[in-house]
Amino acid sequence: MMRDNESLIDISDSIHLIMRYTQGIDLDRFTQNEEKQDAVLRRLIIIGEATKRLSPEFRSQHPTIPWRNIAGLRDIAVHEYERVDLDRIWRIIQTDLLELLTYIQPLLPTQEQND
Protein backbone atom coordinates (compact mmCIF):
# COMPACT_ATOMS: atom_id res chain seq x y z
CA MET A 1 0.00 0.00 0.00
CA MET A 2 2.80 2.44 0.89
CA ARG A 3 4.52 1.79 -2.43
CA ASP A 4 1.24 2.39 -4.27
CA ASN A 5 0.82 5.68 -2.41
CA GLU A 6 4.34 6.75 -3.30
CA SER A 7 3.76 5.86 -6.94
CA LEU A 8 0.52 7.86 -7.06
CA ILE A 9 2.31 10.85 -5.57
CA ASP A 10 5.08 10.52 -8.19
CA ILE A 11 2.46 10.46 -10.95
CA SER A 12 0.60 13.47 -9.56
CA ASP A 13 3.77 15.47 -8.97
CA SER A 14 5.00 14.76 -12.49
CA ILE A 15 1.70 15.81 -14.06
CA HIS A 16 1.76 19.07 -12.11
CA LEU A 17 5.35 19.73 -13.18
CA ILE A 18 4.54 19.06 -16.83
CA MET A 19 1.63 21.47 -16.58
CA ARG A 20 3.96 24.08 -15.08
CA TYR A 21 6.63 23.49 -17.74
CA THR A 22 4.13 23.95 -20.56
CA GLN A 23 2.01 26.73 -19.09
CA GLY A 24 1.60 29.66 -21.46
CA ILE A 25 3.18 28.01 -24.49
CA ASP A 26 1.72 26.47 -27.62
CA LEU A 27 2.82 23.53 -29.75
CA ASP A 28 5.14 25.68 -31.88
CA ARG A 29 7.03 27.00 -28.86
CA PHE A 30 7.17 23.52 -27.36
CA THR A 31 8.66 22.01 -30.53
CA GLN A 32 11.30 24.75 -30.62
CA ASN A 33 12.36 24.40 -26.98
CA GLU A 34 14.56 21.36 -26.36
CA GLU A 35 14.80 22.06 -22.63
CA LYS A 36 11.02 21.89 -22.23
CA GLN A 37 10.89 18.76 -24.37
CA ASP A 38 13.58 17.09 -22.27
CA ALA A 39 11.86 18.06 -19.02
CA VAL A 40 8.48 16.80 -20.21
CA LEU A 41 9.88 13.55 -21.58
CA ARG A 42 11.70 12.90 -18.30
CA ARG A 43 8.46 13.39 -16.38
CA LEU A 44 6.59 11.08 -18.77
CA ILE A 45 9.23 8.45 -18.03
CA ILE A 46 8.64 8.94 -14.30
CA ILE A 47 4.87 8.63 -14.78
CA GLY A 48 5.34 5.40 -16.73
CA GLU A 49 7.77 3.95 -14.19
CA ALA A 50 5.54 4.90 -11.27
CA THR A 51 2.59 3.25 -13.00
CA LYS A 52 4.58 0.05 -13.49
CA ARG A 53 5.42 0.07 -9.76
CA LEU A 54 1.74 0.03 -8.75
CA SER A 55 0.74 -3.34 -7.38
CA PRO A 56 -1.40 -5.59 -9.58
CA GLU A 57 -4.01 -5.56 -6.81
CA PHE A 58 -4.21 -1.77 -6.87
CA ARG A 59 -4.49 -1.66 -10.66
CA SER A 60 -7.22 -4.31 -10.67
CA GLN A 61 -9.18 -2.32 -8.06
CA HIS A 62 -9.27 0.61 -10.51
CA PRO A 63 -9.98 -0.97 -13.90
CA THR A 64 -11.38 2.20 -15.48
CA ILE A 65 -7.92 3.77 -15.46
CA PRO A 66 -5.94 2.80 -18.59
CA TRP A 67 -2.84 1.63 -16.71
CA ARG A 68 -1.27 -0.10 -19.71
CA ASN A 69 -1.51 3.07 -21.82
CA ILE A 70 -0.07 5.17 -19.02
CA ALA A 71 2.84 2.79 -18.52
CA GLY A 72 3.39 3.02 -22.28
CA LEU A 73 4.25 6.71 -21.92
CA ARG A 74 7.61 5.62 -20.57
CA ASP A 75 8.21 3.39 -23.57
CA ILE A 76 7.36 6.20 -25.99
CA ALA A 77 9.79 8.56 -24.26
CA VAL A 78 12.60 6.01 -23.92
CA HIS A 79 12.42 3.86 -27.03
CA GLU A 80 11.37 6.56 -29.48
CA TYR A 81 13.47 9.33 -27.92
CA GLU A 82 15.41 10.23 -31.08
CA ARG A 83 12.29 10.36 -33.21
CA VAL A 84 9.57 11.08 -30.69
CA ASP A 85 6.40 12.53 -32.20
CA LEU A 86 6.13 15.93 -30.51
CA ASP A 87 2.60 16.44 -31.81
CA ARG A 88 1.62 13.23 -30.03
CA ILE A 89 3.40 14.30 -26.84
CA TRP A 90 1.60 17.67 -27.00
CA ARG A 91 -1.79 15.91 -27.34
CA ILE A 92 -0.91 13.77 -24.32
CA ILE A 93 -0.05 16.90 -22.34
CA GLN A 94 -3.20 18.75 -23.37
CA THR A 95 -5.74 15.96 -22.86
CA ASP A 96 -4.52 12.69 -21.43
CA LEU A 97 -2.60 14.04 -18.45
CA LEU A 98 -5.50 16.15 -17.20
CA GLU A 99 -7.79 13.14 -17.53
CA LEU A 100 -5.28 10.99 -15.64
CA LEU A 101 -5.05 13.58 -12.89
CA THR A 102 -8.83 13.53 -12.43
CA TYR A 103 -8.69 9.73 -12.16
CA ILE A 104 -5.94 9.60 -9.56
CA GLN A 105 -6.69 12.68 -7.44
CA PRO A 106 -9.33 10.88 -5.35
CA LEU A 107 -6.88 7.99 -4.88
CA LEU A 108 -4.02 10.12 -3.56
CA PRO A 109 -3.17 9.46 0.07
CA THR A 110 -3.98 12.03 2.69
CA GLN A 111 -1.11 13.45 4.72
CA GLU A 112 -1.95 11.07 7.59
CA GLN A 113 -1.88 8.05 5.26
CA ASN A 114 1.45 9.10 3.87
CA ASP A 115 3.19 9.53 7.26
Foldseek 3Di string as FASTA:
>chain_A
DLLLLVLLVLLLVLLVVLCVLCPPHDLVVCVVDVVNVVSNLVSLLSNLVSLVSHDPVVCVVQVVDPSVVSNCSNVLCPVCVVPRDSVVSRVCSVPVSVVVCVSCVVVHDDPVVND
